[in-house]
């Protein structure tokens, strides 16, 4: 799949801001959203300006693409986090700037006390088990973690309707 190279400076066509693509998120319908970190610091608190999700490639100017083996076949399958037992359907895959891949898992059901939908959780796919999740030996896992370290989860992409 052709994906914009993460970690490269690009321009958001809508805002005309320069910044960096730090994550790519893949959904079941084939949509790709990129997390865009604008260049600069907030003058009030000295923190980086807020990042934003850019939907589709039509917002991105510049940059290059690389053909990456994104396992889209995982989307829609059931997976379980080996550490916690959290189980559900994979609804998104997120490629991090480090190269690691995370899955957003939506469990079935609702919270009994409130009736609200159970919130999905983000996991490194190397922590998951499932029918289509590749099984790694201890040696393969260690090598993969060294080559593609897993950062903390990112804010979830929520489309504005």
N, C-alpha and C. Protein backbone atom coordinates (compact mmCIF):
# COMPACT_ATOMS: atom_id res chain seq x y z
N UNK A 1 0.85 -1.17 0.00
CA UNK A 1 0.00 0.00 0.00
C UNK A 1 0.90 1.24 0.00
N UNK A 2 0.60 2.21 -0.84
CA UNK A 2 1.37 3.44 -0.90
C UNK A 2 0.95 4.37 0.24
N UNK A 3 1.93 4.71 1.07
CA UNK A 3 1.69 5.52 2.26
C UNK A 3 2.72 6.64 2.30
N UNK A 4 2.27 7.85 2.68
CA UNK A 4 3.22 8.95 2.84
C UNK A 4 4.27 8.57 3.87
N UNK A 5 5.52 8.93 3.59
CA UNK A 5 6.61 8.69 4.53
C UNK A 5 6.39 9.52 5.78
N UNK A 6 6.38 8.87 6.92
CA UNK A 6 6.22 9.58 8.20
C UNK A 6 7.55 10.17 8.61
N UNK A 7 7.50 11.30 9.31
CA UNK A 7 8.72 11.95 9.77
C UNK A 7 9.27 12.96 8.79
N UNK A 8 8.56 13.19 7.70
CA UNK A 8 8.98 14.16 6.69
C UNK A 8 8.11 15.41 6.79
N UNK A 9 8.71 16.55 6.49
CA UNK A 9 7.97 17.81 6.51
C UNK A 9 7.10 17.91 5.26
N UNK A 10 5.85 18.33 5.45
CA UNK A 10 4.88 18.54 4.38
C UNK A 10 4.11 19.82 4.70
N UNK A 11 3.19 20.17 3.82
CA UNK A 11 2.32 21.33 4.06
C UNK A 11 0.88 20.87 4.00
N UNK A 12 0.07 21.34 4.95
CA UNK A 12 -1.37 21.10 4.92
C UNK A 12 -1.95 22.12 3.95
N UNK A 13 -2.57 21.65 2.87
CA UNK A 13 -3.10 22.56 1.85
C UNK A 13 -4.18 23.49 2.38
N UNK A 14 -4.98 23.02 3.33
CA UNK A 14 -6.08 23.84 3.83
C UNK A 14 -5.59 25.00 4.69
N UNK A 15 -4.74 24.71 5.66
CA UNK A 15 -4.26 25.74 6.59
C UNK A 15 -2.99 26.43 6.10
N UNK A 16 -2.34 25.79 5.12
CA UNK A 16 -1.05 26.24 4.59
C UNK A 16 0.06 26.22 5.64
N UNK A 17 -0.12 25.39 6.69
CA UNK A 17 0.91 25.24 7.71
C UNK A 17 1.88 24.14 7.31
N UNK A 18 3.15 24.36 7.66
CA UNK A 18 4.16 23.34 7.46
C UNK A 18 4.21 22.48 8.72
N UNK A 19 4.45 21.21 8.54
CA UNK A 19 4.55 20.31 9.69
C UNK A 19 4.98 18.93 9.26
N UNK A 20 4.85 17.99 10.19
CA UNK A 20 5.32 16.64 9.97
C UNK A 20 4.18 15.64 10.12
N UNK A 21 4.16 14.64 9.24
CA UNK A 21 3.23 13.52 9.39
C UNK A 21 3.88 12.54 10.36
N UNK A 22 3.16 12.22 11.46
CA UNK A 22 3.75 11.36 12.48
C UNK A 22 3.08 10.00 12.60
N UNK A 23 1.85 9.87 12.10
CA UNK A 23 1.11 8.62 12.18
C UNK A 23 0.19 8.50 10.96
N UNK A 24 -0.09 7.27 10.56
CA UNK A 24 -1.08 7.01 9.52
C UNK A 24 -2.06 6.00 10.09
N UNK A 25 -3.36 6.29 9.94
CA UNK A 25 -4.37 5.38 10.48
C UNK A 25 -5.21 4.85 9.33
N UNK A 26 -5.41 3.52 9.33
CA UNK A 26 -6.10 2.83 8.26
C UNK A 26 -7.42 2.27 8.78
N UNK A 27 -8.50 2.51 8.04
CA UNK A 27 -9.80 2.02 8.47
C UNK A 27 -10.32 0.96 7.50
N UNK A 28 -11.38 0.31 7.89
CA UNK A 28 -11.94 -0.80 7.12
C UNK A 28 -12.34 -0.38 5.71
N UNK A 29 -12.81 0.83 5.55
CA UNK A 29 -13.25 1.29 4.24
C UNK A 29 -12.11 1.72 3.33
N UNK A 30 -10.87 1.57 3.77
CA UNK A 30 -9.73 1.96 2.96
C UNK A 30 -9.31 3.40 3.17
N UNK A 31 -9.99 4.12 4.05
CA UNK A 31 -9.63 5.51 4.33
C UNK A 31 -8.31 5.56 5.09
N UNK A 32 -7.46 6.52 4.72
CA UNK A 32 -6.21 6.75 5.45
C UNK A 32 -6.28 8.16 6.01
N UNK A 33 -6.02 8.29 7.31
CA UNK A 33 -5.91 9.60 7.95
C UNK A 33 -4.49 9.72 8.47
N UNK A 34 -3.91 10.91 8.36
CA UNK A 34 -2.55 11.15 8.83
C UNK A 34 -2.58 12.13 9.99
N UNK A 35 -1.80 11.85 11.04
CA UNK A 35 -1.66 12.79 12.15
C UNK A 35 -0.58 13.80 11.75
N UNK A 36 -0.96 15.06 11.74
CA UNK A 36 -0.10 16.16 11.27
C UNK A 36 0.29 17.00 12.47
N UNK A 37 1.59 17.12 12.71
CA UNK A 37 2.12 17.95 13.78
C UNK A 37 2.64 19.25 13.17
N UNK A 38 1.88 20.36 13.30
CA UNK A 38 2.38 21.63 12.75
C UNK A 38 3.70 22.02 13.41
N UNK A 39 4.52 22.70 12.64
CA UNK A 39 5.80 23.18 13.14
C UNK A 39 5.54 24.37 14.05
N UNK A 40 6.20 24.41 15.21
CA UNK A 40 6.11 25.58 16.07
C UNK A 40 5.66 25.25 17.48
N UNK A 41 5.86 26.26 18.34
CA UNK A 41 5.49 26.15 19.75
C UNK A 41 4.43 27.18 20.09
N UNK A 42 3.58 26.85 21.04
CA UNK A 42 2.57 27.77 21.53
C UNK A 42 3.30 28.83 22.37
N UNK A 43 3.18 30.12 22.01
CA UNK A 43 3.92 31.15 22.75
C UNK A 43 3.43 31.34 24.19
N UNK A 44 2.23 30.86 24.51
CA UNK A 44 1.70 31.04 25.86
C UNK A 44 2.27 30.04 26.86
N UNK A 45 2.53 28.79 26.39
CA UNK A 45 3.02 27.78 27.33
C UNK A 45 4.29 27.08 26.89
N UNK A 46 4.80 27.40 25.70
CA UNK A 46 6.04 26.80 25.22
C UNK A 46 5.91 25.37 24.75
N UNK A 47 4.69 24.84 24.70
CA UNK A 47 4.45 23.46 24.27
C UNK A 47 4.25 23.42 22.75
N UNK A 48 4.48 22.24 22.15
CA UNK A 48 4.20 22.13 20.71
C UNK A 48 2.74 22.47 20.43
N UNK A 49 2.49 23.10 19.28
CA UNK A 49 1.11 23.39 18.91
C UNK A 49 0.38 22.07 18.71
N UNK A 50 -0.92 22.10 18.87
CA UNK A 50 -1.75 20.90 18.84
C UNK A 50 -1.69 20.22 17.47
N UNK A 51 -1.51 18.90 17.50
CA UNK A 51 -1.53 18.13 16.26
C UNK A 51 -2.98 17.92 15.82
N UNK A 52 -3.15 17.54 14.55
CA UNK A 52 -4.50 17.31 14.04
C UNK A 52 -4.48 16.18 13.02
N UNK A 53 -5.62 15.50 12.92
CA UNK A 53 -5.76 14.45 11.93
C UNK A 53 -6.18 15.07 10.61
N UNK A 54 -5.48 14.72 9.54
CA UNK A 54 -5.83 15.14 8.19
C UNK A 54 -6.45 13.95 7.48
N UNK A 55 -7.64 14.13 6.96
CA UNK A 55 -8.33 13.03 6.30
C UNK A 55 -7.97 13.03 4.82
N UNK A 56 -7.47 11.94 4.36
CA UNK A 56 -7.18 11.80 2.95
C UNK A 56 -5.92 12.53 2.52
N UNK A 57 -5.48 12.16 1.35
CA UNK A 57 -4.24 12.70 0.83
C UNK A 57 -4.42 14.04 0.15
N UNK A 58 -5.66 14.45 -0.08
CA UNK A 58 -5.91 15.72 -0.77
C UNK A 58 -5.48 16.93 0.07
N UNK A 59 -5.21 16.75 1.35
CA UNK A 59 -4.77 17.85 2.21
C UNK A 59 -3.26 17.98 2.26
N UNK A 60 -2.53 17.02 1.71
CA UNK A 60 -1.08 16.97 1.89
C UNK A 60 -0.37 17.46 0.63
N UNK A 61 0.53 18.41 0.83
CA UNK A 61 1.36 18.93 -0.26
C UNK A 61 2.82 18.61 0.07
N UNK A 62 3.50 18.02 -0.90
CA UNK A 62 4.89 17.63 -0.68
C UNK A 62 4.95 16.22 -0.14
N UNK A 63 6.12 15.83 0.31
CA UNK A 63 6.30 14.49 0.85
C UNK A 63 6.45 13.46 -0.24
N UNK A 64 6.82 12.27 0.18
CA UNK A 64 6.96 11.15 -0.74
C UNK A 64 6.22 9.95 -0.17
N UNK A 65 5.94 9.00 -1.02
CA UNK A 65 5.23 7.79 -0.60
C UNK A 65 6.13 6.58 -0.74
N UNK A 66 5.86 5.61 0.13
CA UNK A 66 6.56 4.33 0.11
C UNK A 66 5.52 3.23 0.11
N UNK A 67 5.80 2.16 -0.59
CA UNK A 67 4.91 1.00 -0.61
C UNK A 67 5.22 0.17 0.63
N UNK A 68 4.27 0.13 1.57
CA UNK A 68 4.47 -0.60 2.83
C UNK A 68 3.49 -1.76 2.93
N UNK A 69 3.92 -2.86 3.55
CA UNK A 69 3.04 -4.03 3.72
C UNK A 69 2.12 -3.85 4.94
N UNK A 70 1.07 -3.05 4.81
CA UNK A 70 0.12 -2.84 5.91
C UNK A 70 -0.88 -4.00 5.89
N UNK A 71 -1.00 -4.76 6.97
CA UNK A 71 -1.88 -5.94 6.98
C UNK A 71 -3.36 -5.56 7.16
N UNK A 72 -3.94 -4.95 6.14
CA UNK A 72 -5.33 -4.50 6.21
C UNK A 72 -6.30 -5.65 6.49
N UNK A 73 -5.87 -6.88 6.21
CA UNK A 73 -6.72 -8.05 6.47
C UNK A 73 -7.02 -8.23 7.96
N UNK A 74 -6.26 -7.56 8.83
CA UNK A 74 -6.52 -7.65 10.28
C UNK A 74 -7.77 -6.86 10.67
N UNK A 75 -8.08 -5.81 9.90
CA UNK A 75 -9.23 -4.96 10.24
C UNK A 75 -10.51 -5.79 10.09
N UNK A 76 -11.33 -5.75 11.13
CA UNK A 76 -12.57 -6.51 11.14
C UNK A 76 -12.45 -7.87 11.79
N UNK A 77 -11.23 -8.28 12.15
CA UNK A 77 -11.04 -9.57 12.81
C UNK A 77 -11.02 -9.37 14.33
N UNK A 78 -11.21 -10.45 15.06
CA UNK A 78 -11.21 -10.41 16.51
C UNK A 78 -9.80 -10.66 17.02
N UNK A 79 -9.41 -9.87 18.02
CA UNK A 79 -8.08 -10.02 18.63
C UNK A 79 -8.21 -9.83 20.14
N UNK A 80 -7.26 -10.40 20.86
CA UNK A 80 -7.22 -10.32 22.32
C UNK A 80 -5.85 -9.82 22.75
N UNK A 81 -5.84 -8.86 23.69
CA UNK A 81 -4.58 -8.40 24.26
C UNK A 81 -4.10 -9.47 25.23
N UNK A 82 -2.91 -10.00 25.00
CA UNK A 82 -2.37 -11.08 25.83
C UNK A 82 -2.11 -10.62 27.26
N UNK A 83 -1.82 -9.35 27.47
CA UNK A 83 -1.51 -8.86 28.82
C UNK A 83 -2.76 -8.68 29.68
N UNK A 84 -3.85 -8.19 29.10
CA UNK A 84 -5.03 -7.84 29.91
C UNK A 84 -6.25 -8.71 29.67
N UNK A 85 -6.30 -9.39 28.52
CA UNK A 85 -7.50 -10.15 28.17
C UNK A 85 -8.53 -9.32 27.44
N UNK A 86 -8.26 -8.03 27.20
CA UNK A 86 -9.19 -7.16 26.46
C UNK A 86 -9.38 -7.75 25.07
N UNK A 87 -10.66 -7.95 24.68
CA UNK A 87 -10.96 -8.65 23.43
C UNK A 87 -12.01 -7.88 22.64
N UNK A 88 -11.85 -7.86 21.33
CA UNK A 88 -12.83 -7.23 20.47
C UNK A 88 -12.39 -7.24 19.03
N UNK A 89 -13.11 -6.45 18.24
CA UNK A 89 -12.85 -6.37 16.82
C UNK A 89 -11.86 -5.25 16.53
N UNK A 90 -10.89 -5.52 15.67
CA UNK A 90 -9.95 -4.49 15.24
C UNK A 90 -10.68 -3.56 14.29
N UNK A 91 -10.74 -2.26 14.65
CA UNK A 91 -11.47 -1.29 13.82
C UNK A 91 -10.55 -0.33 13.08
N UNK A 92 -9.31 -0.18 13.52
CA UNK A 92 -8.32 0.67 12.84
C UNK A 92 -6.94 0.08 13.07
N UNK A 93 -6.04 0.37 12.15
CA UNK A 93 -4.61 0.11 12.35
C UNK A 93 -3.91 1.45 12.30
N UNK A 94 -2.94 1.66 13.18
CA UNK A 94 -2.19 2.91 13.20
C UNK A 94 -0.71 2.62 13.07
N UNK A 95 -0.11 3.21 12.03
CA UNK A 95 1.33 3.11 11.82
C UNK A 95 1.98 4.30 12.51
N UNK A 96 2.92 4.03 13.41
CA UNK A 96 3.63 5.08 14.14
C UNK A 96 4.90 5.47 13.40
N UNK A 97 5.39 6.65 13.70
CA UNK A 97 6.62 7.16 13.08
C UNK A 97 7.79 6.22 13.30
N UNK A 98 7.78 5.46 14.39
CA UNK A 98 8.86 4.50 14.68
C UNK A 98 8.77 3.25 13.81
N UNK A 99 7.65 3.06 13.12
CA UNK A 99 7.46 1.89 12.28
C UNK A 99 6.60 0.81 12.90
N UNK A 100 6.29 0.95 14.20
CA UNK A 100 5.46 -0.08 14.82
C UNK A 100 4.00 0.12 14.41
N UNK A 101 3.23 -0.94 14.54
CA UNK A 101 1.83 -0.92 14.14
C UNK A 101 0.96 -1.23 15.34
N UNK A 102 -0.06 -0.40 15.54
CA UNK A 102 -1.02 -0.60 16.63
C UNK A 102 -2.39 -0.90 16.05
N UNK A 103 -3.21 -1.58 16.84
CA UNK A 103 -4.58 -1.89 16.47
C UNK A 103 -5.51 -1.26 17.51
N UNK A 104 -6.58 -0.64 17.03
CA UNK A 104 -7.62 -0.12 17.92
C UNK A 104 -8.70 -1.21 17.98
N UNK A 105 -8.96 -1.68 19.20
CA UNK A 105 -9.89 -2.80 19.40
C UNK A 105 -11.17 -2.29 20.05
N UNK A 106 -12.30 -2.62 19.43
CA UNK A 106 -13.63 -2.27 19.95
C UNK A 106 -14.27 -3.54 20.50
N UNK A 107 -14.46 -3.61 21.84
CA UNK A 107 -15.13 -4.79 22.39
C UNK A 107 -16.63 -4.75 22.11
N UNK A 108 -17.27 -5.90 22.24
CA UNK A 108 -18.72 -6.00 22.11
C UNK A 108 -19.37 -5.52 23.40
N UNK A 109 -20.61 -5.13 23.30
CA UNK A 109 -21.41 -4.84 24.49
C UNK A 109 -21.34 -3.41 24.97
N UNK A 110 -21.78 -3.26 26.23
CA UNK A 110 -21.87 -1.93 26.84
C UNK A 110 -21.53 -2.02 28.33
N UNK A 111 -21.33 -0.85 28.91
CA UNK A 111 -21.06 -0.78 30.34
C UNK A 111 -22.40 -0.98 31.05
N UNK A 112 -22.49 -1.99 31.92
CA UNK A 112 -23.77 -2.33 32.55
C UNK A 112 -24.35 -1.18 33.36
N UNK A 113 -23.51 -0.47 34.09
CA UNK A 113 -23.99 0.59 34.97
C UNK A 113 -24.59 1.77 34.21
N UNK A 114 -23.99 2.13 33.07
CA UNK A 114 -24.42 3.33 32.35
C UNK A 114 -25.11 3.05 31.03
N UNK A 115 -24.89 1.87 30.48
CA UNK A 115 -25.44 1.56 29.17
C UNK A 115 -24.59 2.10 28.03
N UNK A 116 -23.51 2.81 28.35
CA UNK A 116 -22.65 3.39 27.33
C UNK A 116 -21.81 2.32 26.63
N UNK A 117 -21.43 2.60 25.40
CA UNK A 117 -20.56 1.71 24.65
C UNK A 117 -19.21 1.63 25.37
N UNK A 118 -18.63 0.46 25.43
CA UNK A 118 -17.30 0.30 26.00
C UNK A 118 -16.30 0.98 25.07
N UNK A 119 -15.42 1.78 25.64
CA UNK A 119 -14.44 2.51 24.83
C UNK A 119 -13.45 1.54 24.20
N UNK A 120 -13.07 1.79 22.93
CA UNK A 120 -12.03 0.96 22.32
C UNK A 120 -10.67 1.27 22.94
N UNK A 121 -9.74 0.34 22.81
CA UNK A 121 -8.38 0.52 23.34
C UNK A 121 -7.36 0.26 22.24
N UNK A 122 -6.22 0.93 22.37
CA UNK A 122 -5.13 0.87 21.41
C UNK A 122 -4.04 -0.06 21.94
N UNK A 123 -3.59 -1.01 21.10
CA UNK A 123 -2.54 -1.95 21.50
C UNK A 123 -1.55 -2.16 20.37
N UNK A 124 -0.29 -2.33 20.72
CA UNK A 124 0.73 -2.76 19.78
C UNK A 124 0.30 -4.16 19.30
N UNK A 125 0.32 -4.41 17.98
CA UNK A 125 -0.17 -5.71 17.51
C UNK A 125 0.69 -6.87 18.00
N UNK A 126 1.92 -6.58 18.42
CA UNK A 126 2.77 -7.65 18.94
C UNK A 126 2.28 -8.16 20.28
N UNK A 127 1.36 -7.42 20.94
CA UNK A 127 0.77 -7.87 22.21
C UNK A 127 -0.50 -8.67 21.99
N UNK A 128 -0.95 -8.77 20.76
CA UNK A 128 -2.25 -9.37 20.48
C UNK A 128 -2.16 -10.80 20.00
N UNK A 129 -3.24 -11.53 20.23
CA UNK A 129 -3.39 -12.85 19.63
C UNK A 129 -4.71 -12.82 18.87
N UNK A 130 -4.76 -13.59 17.83
CA UNK A 130 -5.97 -13.67 17.01
C UNK A 130 -5.68 -14.53 15.80
N UNK A 131 -6.74 -14.90 15.12
CA UNK A 131 -6.62 -15.81 13.99
C UNK A 131 -5.66 -15.31 12.92
N UNK A 132 -5.66 -14.01 12.65
CA UNK A 132 -4.81 -13.46 11.59
C UNK A 132 -3.60 -12.70 12.11
N UNK A 133 -3.41 -12.66 13.43
CA UNK A 133 -2.25 -11.97 14.00
C UNK A 133 -1.02 -12.85 13.83
N UNK A 134 0.05 -12.32 13.22
CA UNK A 134 1.26 -13.14 13.08
C UNK A 134 1.85 -13.52 14.43
N UNK A 135 2.24 -14.77 14.56
CA UNK A 135 2.87 -15.25 15.80
C UNK A 135 4.38 -15.10 15.66
N UNK A 136 5.00 -14.46 16.65
CA UNK A 136 6.44 -14.24 16.64
C UNK A 136 7.10 -15.09 17.71
N UNK A 137 8.28 -15.61 17.40
CA UNK A 137 9.06 -16.31 18.42
C UNK A 137 9.62 -15.24 19.36
N UNK A 138 10.16 -15.66 20.49
CA UNK A 138 10.75 -14.71 21.45
C UNK A 138 11.87 -13.92 20.79
N UNK A 139 12.65 -14.56 19.97
CA UNK A 139 13.76 -13.90 19.27
C UNK A 139 13.23 -12.88 18.25
N UNK A 140 12.23 -13.27 17.48
CA UNK A 140 11.63 -12.36 16.50
C UNK A 140 10.99 -11.16 17.18
N UNK A 141 10.33 -11.40 18.31
CA UNK A 141 9.68 -10.32 19.05
C UNK A 141 10.72 -9.31 19.55
N UNK A 142 11.79 -9.82 20.12
CA UNK A 142 12.85 -8.94 20.64
C UNK A 142 13.46 -8.10 19.52
N UNK A 143 13.73 -8.73 18.39
CA UNK A 143 14.31 -8.04 17.23
C UNK A 143 13.33 -6.98 16.70
N UNK A 144 12.06 -7.34 16.60
CA UNK A 144 11.04 -6.41 16.12
C UNK A 144 10.89 -5.20 17.05
N UNK A 145 10.89 -5.45 18.36
CA UNK A 145 10.74 -4.37 19.32
C UNK A 145 11.94 -3.42 19.30
N UNK A 146 13.12 -3.97 19.03
CA UNK A 146 14.32 -3.13 18.96
C UNK A 146 14.29 -2.28 17.69
N UNK A 147 13.88 -2.88 16.58
CA UNK A 147 13.86 -2.19 15.29
C UNK A 147 12.71 -1.19 15.21
N UNK A 148 11.57 -1.55 15.76
CA UNK A 148 10.36 -0.72 15.68
C UNK A 148 9.75 -0.59 17.07
N UNK A 149 10.33 0.28 17.93
CA UNK A 149 9.81 0.41 19.29
C UNK A 149 8.39 0.95 19.31
N UNK A 150 7.65 0.54 20.32
CA UNK A 150 6.25 0.93 20.44
C UNK A 150 6.11 2.12 21.37
N UNK A 151 5.68 3.26 20.83
CA UNK A 151 5.45 4.43 21.69
C UNK A 151 4.09 4.34 22.38
N UNK A 152 3.79 5.34 23.16
CA UNK A 152 2.48 5.41 23.80
C UNK A 152 1.41 5.60 22.73
N UNK A 153 0.17 5.22 23.02
CA UNK A 153 -0.92 5.41 22.06
C UNK A 153 -1.11 6.89 21.71
N UNK A 154 -1.70 7.12 20.56
CA UNK A 154 -1.98 8.48 20.10
C UNK A 154 -3.46 8.77 20.24
N UNK A 155 -3.85 10.04 20.15
CA UNK A 155 -5.28 10.33 20.20
C UNK A 155 -6.00 9.62 19.06
N UNK A 156 -7.13 9.07 19.36
CA UNK A 156 -7.91 8.32 18.39
C UNK A 156 -8.49 9.26 17.35
N UNK A 157 -8.48 8.83 16.09
CA UNK A 157 -9.12 9.60 15.02
C UNK A 157 -10.62 9.39 15.11
N UNK A 158 -11.34 10.47 15.25
CA UNK A 158 -12.81 10.41 15.30
C UNK A 158 -13.32 11.32 14.20
N UNK A 159 -13.93 10.72 13.16
CA UNK A 159 -14.41 11.56 12.05
C UNK A 159 -15.51 12.50 12.52
N UNK A 160 -15.47 13.70 11.98
CA UNK A 160 -16.50 14.69 12.31
C UNK A 160 -17.63 14.54 11.29
N UNK A 161 -18.80 14.27 11.80
CA UNK A 161 -19.95 14.04 10.91
C UNK A 161 -20.84 15.26 10.90
